[in-house]
Amino acid sequence: MSEAINYEGIEFPKLPHASRWIEVNGSRMHYMEAGDPGGVPILLIHGNPTWSYLWRNVMPHLEERGRVIAVDLIGMGLSDKPDIGYTYFDHREYVWGFIEAMGLKNIVLVIHDWGSALGFDYAYHHQDNVRAIAFMEAHVATAAGYEGMPADIARFLKAVRAGDAVGEEMILNQNMFIEQILPNMVKRKLKKEELDAYRAPYPSPETRLPIMMWPTQLPIGGEPADVVQLIETYAAWLKAAEIPMLNLYATPGLGLPESAAKQLQSQYQKLEIVNVGDGLHFFQEDQPDTVGTSIANWLRRVIS
């Protein structure tokens, strides 16, 4: 376990794995690493509003399968917060740069939430460098509109995407993603020290810009057009891809419940699905052992 980290005056918790940084596009990106340094790279990519801390209890189960790396997206976790727009394409530039800077070859991707879009997108454009993909609560399609969404979520997204003061107040000042959305999407009650760990990267309104930008990138009603096109492109590719894939889903889940997982399995060429048990969106917090062992057992079969 690493020592507690003081990063730019912010106290972060002790992390259970080695904590490291590498420079990408003039900024430092943080990652946790475990396992065999010479083994198959297993790259874990989180989404919004989490950081590599999300994977802390999953990583031990993967250590025997290769070199386990959990990266913090730029502006999130212990990575730097450069003066950029934090659009999807900004994040993509840094993720691709991270993989290149780390020299990662023949990668296994383990991806969640917006990390799934970044991972699928990378795999589509670098098909010779990805060996397998495990995904959870992933972005596998675009939304025609707000119909079908819970009313409170639809109202929230509309406010944020409109760029009005209401959305900024909720995310930047009230820190709604950390204080309400994250804990409400975990079945168990997060411990104070766990919630403090998720709070740590975002102590002030100005540090929460990356969190606020992610909802504006959701592909809803044809906007933003560049993200819609990107997701539709890799979504079509996923159906025909010969790469081994694993979809982990929880009950009841949120973005990809059992019904969606079974539909994907009928559409994809080499997709296995596994129910990890009770969970919502951030089920790595509810079922880390099942998530980790399910991925490890799958890798044991599909990666020689």
Protein backbone atom coordinates (compact mmCIF):
# COMPACT_ATOMS: atom_id res chain seq x y z
CA MET A 1 0.00 0.00 0.00
CA SER A 2 1.30 3.46 -0.91
CA GLU A 3 1.58 6.31 1.55
CA ALA A 4 -1.07 8.99 1.78
CA ILE A 5 -0.52 11.53 -1.01
CA ASN A 6 -0.57 15.29 -0.75
CA TYR A 7 -1.24 16.56 -4.25
CA GLU A 8 -1.23 20.32 -4.73
CA GLY A 9 -2.33 20.76 -1.12
CA ILE A 10 -5.07 18.13 -1.33
CA GLU A 11 -4.89 15.08 0.92
CA PHE A 12 -5.59 11.82 -0.89
CA PRO A 13 -6.02 8.46 0.84
CA LYS A 14 -3.47 5.72 0.98
CA LEU A 15 -3.83 3.67 -2.17
CA PRO A 16 -3.51 -0.13 -2.11
CA HIS A 17 -1.28 -0.25 -5.19
CA ALA A 18 1.80 1.54 -6.49
CA SER A 19 1.00 5.13 -7.46
CA ARG A 20 2.85 6.56 -10.48
CA TRP A 21 2.78 9.40 -13.01
CA ILE A 22 3.81 9.82 -16.63
CA GLU A 23 3.90 12.95 -18.77
CA VAL A 24 1.39 13.14 -21.62
CA ASN A 25 1.00 16.24 -23.80
CA GLY A 26 2.83 18.35 -21.24
CA SER A 27 0.72 17.22 -18.25
CA ARG A 28 1.12 14.41 -15.74
CA MET A 29 -1.31 11.52 -15.80
CA HIS A 30 -1.59 9.35 -12.71
CA TYR A 31 -2.04 5.60 -12.62
CA MET A 32 -2.00 2.73 -10.15
CA GLU A 33 -0.07 -0.37 -11.13
CA ALA A 34 0.07 -3.95 -9.87
CA GLY A 35 0.93 -7.41 -11.14
CA ASP A 36 3.69 -8.60 -13.46
CA PRO A 37 5.54 -5.66 -15.10
CA GLY A 38 6.30 -7.88 -18.07
CA GLY A 39 2.84 -9.38 -18.37
CA VAL A 40 -0.10 -8.66 -20.65
CA PRO A 41 -1.15 -5.00 -20.13
CA ILE A 42 -4.61 -4.85 -18.55
CA LEU A 43 -5.74 -1.23 -18.76
CA LEU A 44 -8.63 -0.16 -16.53
CA ILE A 45 -10.40 3.07 -17.55
CA HIS A 46 -12.96 4.73 -15.28
CA GLY A 47 -15.73 7.17 -16.14
CA ASN A 48 -17.49 10.14 -14.54
CA PRO A 49 -17.08 11.23 -11.73
CA THR A 50 -14.71 8.55 -10.46
CA TRP A 51 -10.96 7.90 -10.74
CA SER A 52 -8.65 4.90 -10.48
CA TYR A 53 -9.75 4.48 -6.85
CA LEU A 54 -12.89 2.81 -8.27
CA TRP A 55 -10.79 -0.22 -9.27
CA ARG A 56 -8.82 -0.61 -6.00
CA ASN A 57 -10.61 -3.80 -4.90
CA VAL A 58 -10.89 -5.27 -8.41
CA MET A 59 -7.17 -5.04 -9.21
CA PRO A 60 -5.92 -7.75 -6.80
CA HIS A 61 -7.92 -10.39 -8.68
CA LEU A 62 -6.22 -9.45 -11.96
CA GLU A 63 -2.60 -9.33 -10.77
CA GLU A 64 -1.86 -12.92 -11.75
CA ARG A 65 -3.15 -12.30 -15.28
CA GLY A 66 -0.71 -9.54 -16.27
CA ARG A 67 0.38 -5.96 -15.74
CA VAL A 68 -2.63 -4.19 -14.23
CA ILE A 69 -2.83 -0.43 -14.84
CA ALA A 70 -5.67 1.82 -13.65
CA VAL A 71 -5.33 5.27 -15.20
CA ASP A 72 -6.84 8.57 -14.05
CA LEU A 73 -8.36 10.51 -16.94
CA ILE A 74 -6.90 13.97 -17.44
CA GLY A 75 -8.37 16.46 -14.96
CA MET A 76 -9.63 13.61 -12.76
CA GLY A 77 -8.18 11.75 -9.81
CA LEU A 78 -4.49 12.52 -9.30
CA SER A 79 -3.89 13.54 -12.91
CA ASP A 80 -3.12 17.17 -13.72
CA LYS A 81 -5.87 19.65 -14.60
CA PRO A 82 -4.57 21.56 -17.63
CA ASP A 83 -6.47 24.49 -19.12
CA ILE A 84 -8.44 22.56 -21.76
CA GLY A 85 -12.12 22.19 -22.61
CA TYR A 86 -12.49 18.60 -21.27
CA THR A 87 -14.57 17.51 -24.22
CA TYR A 88 -14.65 13.85 -25.19
CA PHE A 89 -11.98 14.49 -27.81
CA ASP A 90 -9.70 16.18 -25.29
CA HIS A 91 -9.89 13.06 -23.14
CA ARG A 92 -9.30 10.84 -26.16
CA GLU A 93 -6.11 12.71 -27.01
CA TYR A 94 -4.76 12.10 -23.52
CA VAL A 95 -5.83 8.44 -23.30
CA TRP A 96 -4.22 7.66 -26.64
CA GLY A 97 -1.16 9.63 -25.55
CA PHE A 98 -1.02 7.71 -22.27
CA ILE A 99 -1.07 4.34 -24.04
CA GLU A 100 1.70 5.48 -26.39
CA ALA A 101 3.81 7.00 -23.61
CA MET A 102 3.49 3.81 -21.55
CA GLY A 103 4.41 1.66 -24.55
CA LEU A 104 1.42 -0.63 -24.03
CA LYS A 105 1.10 -3.41 -26.62
CA ASN A 106 -1.61 -6.05 -27.12
CA ILE A 107 -3.82 -4.53 -24.45
CA VAL A 108 -6.73 -5.98 -22.54
CA LEU A 109 -9.22 -3.17 -21.88
CA VAL A 110 -11.40 -3.14 -18.76
CA ILE A 111 -13.78 -0.21 -19.15
CA HIS A 112 -16.72 1.46 -17.44
CA ASP A 113 -19.06 4.40 -18.10
CA TRP A 114 -17.25 7.04 -20.23
CA GLY A 115 -14.15 4.89 -19.98
CA SER A 116 -16.03 2.44 -22.19
CA ALA A 117 -16.45 4.99 -24.99
CA LEU A 118 -12.77 5.86 -24.77
CA GLY A 119 -11.84 2.17 -24.80
CA PHE A 120 -14.15 1.11 -27.63
CA ASP A 121 -13.05 4.10 -29.68
CA TYR A 122 -9.38 3.26 -29.13
CA ALA A 123 -9.99 -0.40 -30.03
CA TYR A 124 -11.77 0.55 -33.27
CA HIS A 125 -8.86 2.74 -34.35
CA HIS A 126 -6.13 0.39 -33.04
CA GLN A 127 -7.53 -3.06 -33.70
CA ASP A 128 -4.10 -4.68 -33.87
CA ASN A 129 -3.22 -3.44 -30.37
CA VAL A 130 -6.25 -4.72 -28.40
CA ARG A 131 -6.55 -8.39 -27.42
CA ALA A 132 -9.78 -8.40 -25.45
CA ILE A 133 -12.36 -6.05 -23.91
CA ALA A 134 -14.32 -6.37 -20.66
CA PHE A 135 -16.97 -3.69 -20.22
CA MET A 136 -19.52 -2.54 -17.66
CA GLU A 137 -22.37 -0.01 -17.83
CA ALA A 138 -21.02 1.00 -21.21
CA HIS A 139 -21.86 3.46 -23.98
CA VAL A 140 -22.85 1.09 -26.78
CA ALA A 141 -25.52 3.21 -28.50
CA THR A 142 -26.79 6.76 -28.87
CA ALA A 143 -30.12 8.09 -27.59
CA ALA A 144 -32.75 9.52 -29.95
CA GLY A 145 -34.03 11.82 -27.20
CA TYR A 146 -34.95 12.04 -23.54
CA GLU A 147 -37.97 9.77 -23.86
CA GLY A 148 -37.70 6.73 -21.64
CA MET A 149 -35.34 8.38 -19.18
CA PRO A 150 -36.47 8.90 -15.57
CA ALA A 151 -37.96 12.40 -15.35
CA ASP A 152 -35.45 13.66 -12.79
CA ILE A 153 -32.48 12.49 -14.88
CA ALA A 154 -33.94 14.07 -18.02
CA ARG A 155 -34.43 17.40 -16.21
CA PHE A 156 -30.90 17.26 -14.83
CA LEU A 157 -29.33 16.53 -18.21
CA LYS A 158 -31.32 19.23 -19.97
CA ALA A 159 -30.21 21.81 -17.40
CA VAL A 160 -26.55 20.85 -17.64
CA ARG A 161 -26.50 20.60 -21.43
CA ALA A 162 -28.21 23.99 -21.75
CA GLY A 163 -25.23 25.55 -19.99
CA ASP A 164 -27.46 27.54 -17.69
CA ALA A 165 -26.85 28.64 -14.12
CA VAL A 166 -28.96 25.82 -12.71
CA GLY A 167 -26.69 23.14 -14.13
CA GLU A 168 -23.55 24.93 -13.00
CA GLU A 169 -24.97 25.41 -9.52
CA MET A 170 -25.79 21.70 -9.20
CA ILE A 171 -22.41 20.40 -10.39
CA LEU A 172 -19.85 23.12 -9.67
CA ASN A 173 -21.18 24.52 -6.41
CA GLN A 174 -23.25 21.71 -4.90
CA ASN A 175 -20.88 19.01 -6.21
CA MET A 176 -23.95 16.94 -7.06
CA PHE A 177 -22.11 14.18 -8.91
CA ILE A 178 -20.03 13.32 -5.85
CA GLU A 179 -22.45 14.14 -3.06
CA GLN A 180 -25.63 12.67 -4.54
CA ILE A 181 -25.33 10.83 -7.85
CA LEU A 182 -22.33 8.62 -7.02
CA PRO A 183 -23.50 7.41 -3.58
CA ASN A 184 -27.06 6.91 -4.87
CA MET A 185 -25.76 4.64 -7.64
CA VAL A 186 -24.06 2.27 -5.18
CA LYS A 187 -26.30 -0.25 -3.42
CA ARG A 188 -24.40 -0.26 -0.14
CA LYS A 189 -23.67 2.84 1.90
CA LEU A 190 -20.20 4.16 1.11
CA LYS A 191 -17.98 4.64 4.14
CA LYS A 192 -16.96 8.19 4.99
CA GLU A 193 -13.35 7.51 4.03
CA GLU A 194 -14.49 6.11 0.68
CA LEU A 195 -16.67 9.08 -0.12
CA ASP A 196 -13.85 11.38 1.01
CA ALA A 197 -11.57 9.62 -1.48
CA TYR A 198 -14.02 10.37 -4.28
CA ARG A 199 -14.32 13.98 -3.06
CA ALA A 200 -10.57 14.51 -2.92
CA PRO A 201 -9.92 15.39 -6.61
CA TYR A 202 -12.69 17.99 -6.66
CA PRO A 203 -12.36 20.29 -3.61
CA SER A 204 -13.57 23.49 -5.30
CA PRO A 205 -15.92 24.57 -8.11
CA GLU A 206 -13.07 25.24 -10.54
CA THR A 207 -11.73 21.68 -10.10
CA ARG A 208 -15.13 20.22 -11.09
CA LEU A 209 -15.13 21.36 -14.72
CA PRO A 210 -14.24 17.85 -16.02
CA ILE A 211 -17.23 16.43 -14.10
CA MET A 212 -19.57 19.06 -15.54
CA MET A 213 -18.42 18.59 -19.11
CA TRP A 214 -19.11 14.85 -19.36
CA PRO A 215 -22.95 15.16 -19.40
CA THR A 216 -22.67 17.67 -22.24
CA GLN A 217 -20.93 14.98 -24.30
CA LEU A 218 -23.73 12.40 -23.98
CA PRO A 219 -25.07 11.51 -27.46
CA ILE A 220 -28.72 12.57 -27.16
CA GLY A 221 -30.96 13.69 -30.01
CA GLY A 222 -28.09 13.84 -32.48
CA GLU A 223 -25.93 16.14 -30.35
CA PRO A 224 -23.06 16.59 -30.03
CA ALA A 225 -22.79 15.44 -33.63
CA ASP A 226 -19.11 14.46 -33.48
CA VAL A 227 -19.63 12.21 -30.46
CA VAL A 228 -22.79 10.71 -31.98
CA GLN A 229 -20.89 9.81 -35.15
CA LEU A 230 -18.00 8.36 -33.18
CA ILE A 231 -20.20 6.11 -31.03
CA GLU A 232 -22.34 4.98 -33.96
CA THR A 233 -19.14 4.06 -35.81
CA TYR A 234 -17.64 1.90 -33.10
CA ALA A 235 -21.06 0.47 -32.18
CA ALA A 236 -21.42 -0.93 -35.70
CA TRP A 237 -17.89 -2.32 -35.56
CA LEU A 238 -18.48 -4.04 -32.20
CA LYS A 239 -21.25 -6.18 -33.71
CA ALA A 240 -18.90 -7.70 -36.26
CA ALA A 241 -15.64 -7.63 -34.29
CA GLU A 242 -13.86 -10.95 -33.75
CA ILE A 243 -12.20 -9.76 -30.54
CA PRO A 244 -13.18 -11.58 -27.31
CA MET A 245 -15.52 -9.43 -25.22
CA LEU A 246 -17.09 -9.74 -21.79
CA ASN A 247 -20.05 -7.70 -20.52
CA LEU A 248 -20.47 -7.64 -16.76
CA TYR A 249 -23.89 -6.51 -15.60
CA ALA A 250 -25.61 -6.15 -12.23
CA THR A 251 -29.14 -6.51 -10.92
CA PRO A 252 -30.92 -4.21 -11.45
CA GLY A 253 -28.03 -2.28 -13.03
CA LEU A 254 -28.72 1.02 -14.72
CA GLY A 255 -27.35 1.68 -18.20
CA LEU A 256 -26.95 -1.95 -19.30
CA PRO A 257 -29.33 -4.20 -17.32
CA GLU A 258 -29.81 -7.91 -17.99
CA SER A 259 -32.19 -7.38 -20.90
CA ALA A 260 -29.68 -5.14 -22.68
CA ALA A 261 -26.81 -7.53 -21.94
CA LYS A 262 -28.72 -10.43 -23.51
CA GLN A 263 -29.58 -8.33 -26.53
CA LEU A 264 -25.92 -7.42 -27.02
CA GLN A 265 -24.97 -11.08 -26.72
CA SER A 266 -27.33 -11.91 -29.58
CA GLN A 267 -25.78 -9.17 -31.73
CA TYR A 268 -22.04 -9.46 -31.03
CA GLN A 269 -19.84 -12.18 -32.50
CA LYS A 270 -17.74 -13.08 -29.44
CA LEU A 271 -19.48 -11.66 -26.39
CA GLU A 272 -19.91 -13.43 -23.08
CA ILE A 273 -22.11 -11.97 -20.36
CA VAL A 274 -21.89 -12.41 -16.59
CA ASN A 275 -24.26 -11.26 -13.85
CA VAL A 276 -22.20 -10.06 -10.89
CA GLY A 277 -25.14 -9.80 -8.47
CA ASP A 278 -26.80 -6.82 -6.81
CA GLY A 279 -25.64 -3.46 -8.06
CA LEU A 280 -26.51 -0.25 -9.84
CA HIS A 281 -24.12 1.83 -11.96
CA PHE A 282 -20.96 1.73 -9.84
CA PHE A 283 -21.14 -1.94 -8.97
CA GLN A 284 -17.35 -2.17 -8.57
CA GLU A 285 -18.14 -0.82 -5.10
CA ASP A 286 -20.78 -3.49 -4.42
CA GLN A 287 -19.26 -6.54 -6.11
CA PRO A 288 -15.50 -5.99 -6.54
CA ASP A 289 -14.59 -9.63 -5.87
CA THR A 290 -17.10 -10.99 -8.37
CA VAL A 291 -16.10 -8.39 -10.96
CA GLY A 292 -12.41 -9.19 -10.51
CA THR A 293 -12.70 -12.97 -10.47
CA SER A 294 -15.11 -12.98 -13.43
CA ILE A 295 -12.64 -11.00 -15.55
CA ALA A 296 -9.69 -13.11 -14.36
CA ASN A 297 -11.46 -16.40 -15.17
CA TRP A 298 -12.49 -15.10 -18.58
CA LEU A 299 -8.93 -13.95 -19.35
CA ARG A 300 -7.60 -17.33 -18.32
CA ARG A 301 -9.69 -18.85 -21.11
CA VAL A 302 -9.35 -16.27 -23.90
CA ILE A 303 -5.72 -15.16 -23.44
CA SER A 304 -3.18 -17.93 -23.77
